[in-house]
Amino acid sequence: MSDPAVTEMANKLAVECLAVQKEVGDDRLFMKVGEVLGASSQTLEEAFLTAIRTRMAEIQGRDFLVKQIKAHRANKAE
């Protein structure tokens, strides 16, 4: 079982990293952050990578759903 403090730190860092990634246009920034974390704490690195990947997957899932409903509505309007 993971330490709740580590999970909380990883979650906060994941949210911040996604915001910075978007602003700077570097969609692989999270990998660089993971390397920095791994040099000091493999535990935090793993928790961070899990947190960021699940958030990125959620974003991709939501984007997919938006595209699907737009396509459906466009076909329905024709």
Protein backbone atom coordinates (compact mmCIF):
# COMPACT_ATOMS: atom_id res chain seq x y z
CA MET A 1 0.00 0.00 0.00
CA SER A 2 1.37 3.38 -0.91
CA ASP A 3 1.98 6.22 1.49
CA PRO A 4 -0.90 8.72 1.27
CA ALA A 5 1.56 11.62 1.53
CA VAL A 6 3.48 10.33 -1.49
CA THR A 7 0.25 9.90 -3.44
CA GLU A 8 -0.84 13.42 -2.56
CA MET A 9 2.53 14.88 -3.61
CA ALA A 10 2.45 12.92 -6.86
CA ASN A 11 -1.09 14.04 -7.64
CA LYS A 12 -0.30 17.71 -7.03
CA LEU A 13 2.86 17.48 -9.11
CA ALA A 14 0.96 15.76 -11.93
CA VAL A 15 -1.63 18.55 -12.07
CA GLU A 16 1.12 21.20 -12.10
CA CYS A 17 3.12 19.33 -14.72
CA LEU A 18 0.14 19.06 -17.08
CA ALA A 19 -0.41 22.81 -16.81
CA VAL A 20 3.25 23.55 -17.57
CA GLN A 21 3.30 21.01 -20.42
CA LYS A 22 0.35 22.76 -22.02
CA GLU A 23 1.85 26.22 -21.59
CA VAL A 24 5.31 25.37 -22.93
CA GLY A 25 4.07 22.95 -25.61
CA ASP A 26 6.22 20.02 -24.46
CA ASP A 27 4.02 16.92 -24.26
CA ARG A 28 6.94 14.83 -22.94
CA LEU A 29 7.86 17.14 -20.07
CA PHE A 30 6.43 14.62 -17.63
CA MET A 31 9.16 12.15 -18.63
CA LYS A 32 11.84 14.70 -17.76
CA VAL A 33 10.17 15.39 -14.41
CA GLY A 34 10.03 11.64 -13.80
CA GLU A 35 13.78 11.38 -14.39
CA VAL A 36 14.44 14.19 -11.92
CA LEU A 37 12.24 12.50 -9.32
CA GLY A 38 13.78 9.09 -9.94
CA ALA A 39 17.23 10.41 -9.10
CA SER A 40 16.03 11.08 -5.55
CA SER A 41 13.01 8.88 -4.98
CA GLN A 42 11.91 5.96 -7.09
CA THR A 43 8.75 5.77 -4.99
CA LEU A 44 7.72 9.32 -5.84
CA GLU A 45 8.74 8.83 -9.47
CA GLU A 46 6.46 5.81 -9.84
CA ALA A 47 3.57 7.52 -8.08
CA PHE A 48 4.00 10.62 -10.24
CA LEU A 49 4.15 8.66 -13.49
CA THR A 50 1.01 6.76 -12.53
CA ALA A 51 -0.77 9.99 -11.62
CA ILE A 52 0.22 11.81 -14.80
CA ARG A 53 -0.51 8.90 -17.12
CA THR A 54 -3.97 8.37 -15.69
CA ARG A 55 -4.74 12.07 -16.10
CA MET A 56 -3.40 12.07 -19.65
CA ALA A 57 -5.50 8.99 -20.42
CA GLU A 58 -8.57 10.74 -19.02
CA ILE A 59 -7.90 13.77 -21.24
CA GLN A 60 -7.54 11.52 -24.29
CA GLY A 61 -10.75 9.71 -23.38
CA ARG A 62 -12.67 12.95 -23.01
CA ASP A 63 -11.26 14.28 -26.30
CA PHE A 64 -12.36 11.08 -28.01
CA LEU A 65 -15.89 11.40 -26.62
CA VAL A 66 -16.12 15.02 -27.78
CA LYS A 67 -15.09 13.98 -31.30
CA GLN A 68 -17.60 11.15 -31.30
CA ILE A 69 -20.54 13.32 -30.26
CA LYS A 70 -19.58 16.04 -32.75
CA ALA A 71 -19.45 13.48 -35.56
CA HIS A 72 -22.76 12.00 -34.47
CA ARG A 73 -24.47 15.38 -34.34
CA ALA A 74 -23.00 16.38 -37.71
CA ASN A 75 -24.32 13.17 -39.31
CA LYS A 76 -27.69 13.63 -37.63
CA ALA A 77 -27.99 17.19 -39.00
CA GLU A 78 -27.45 16.04 -42.60
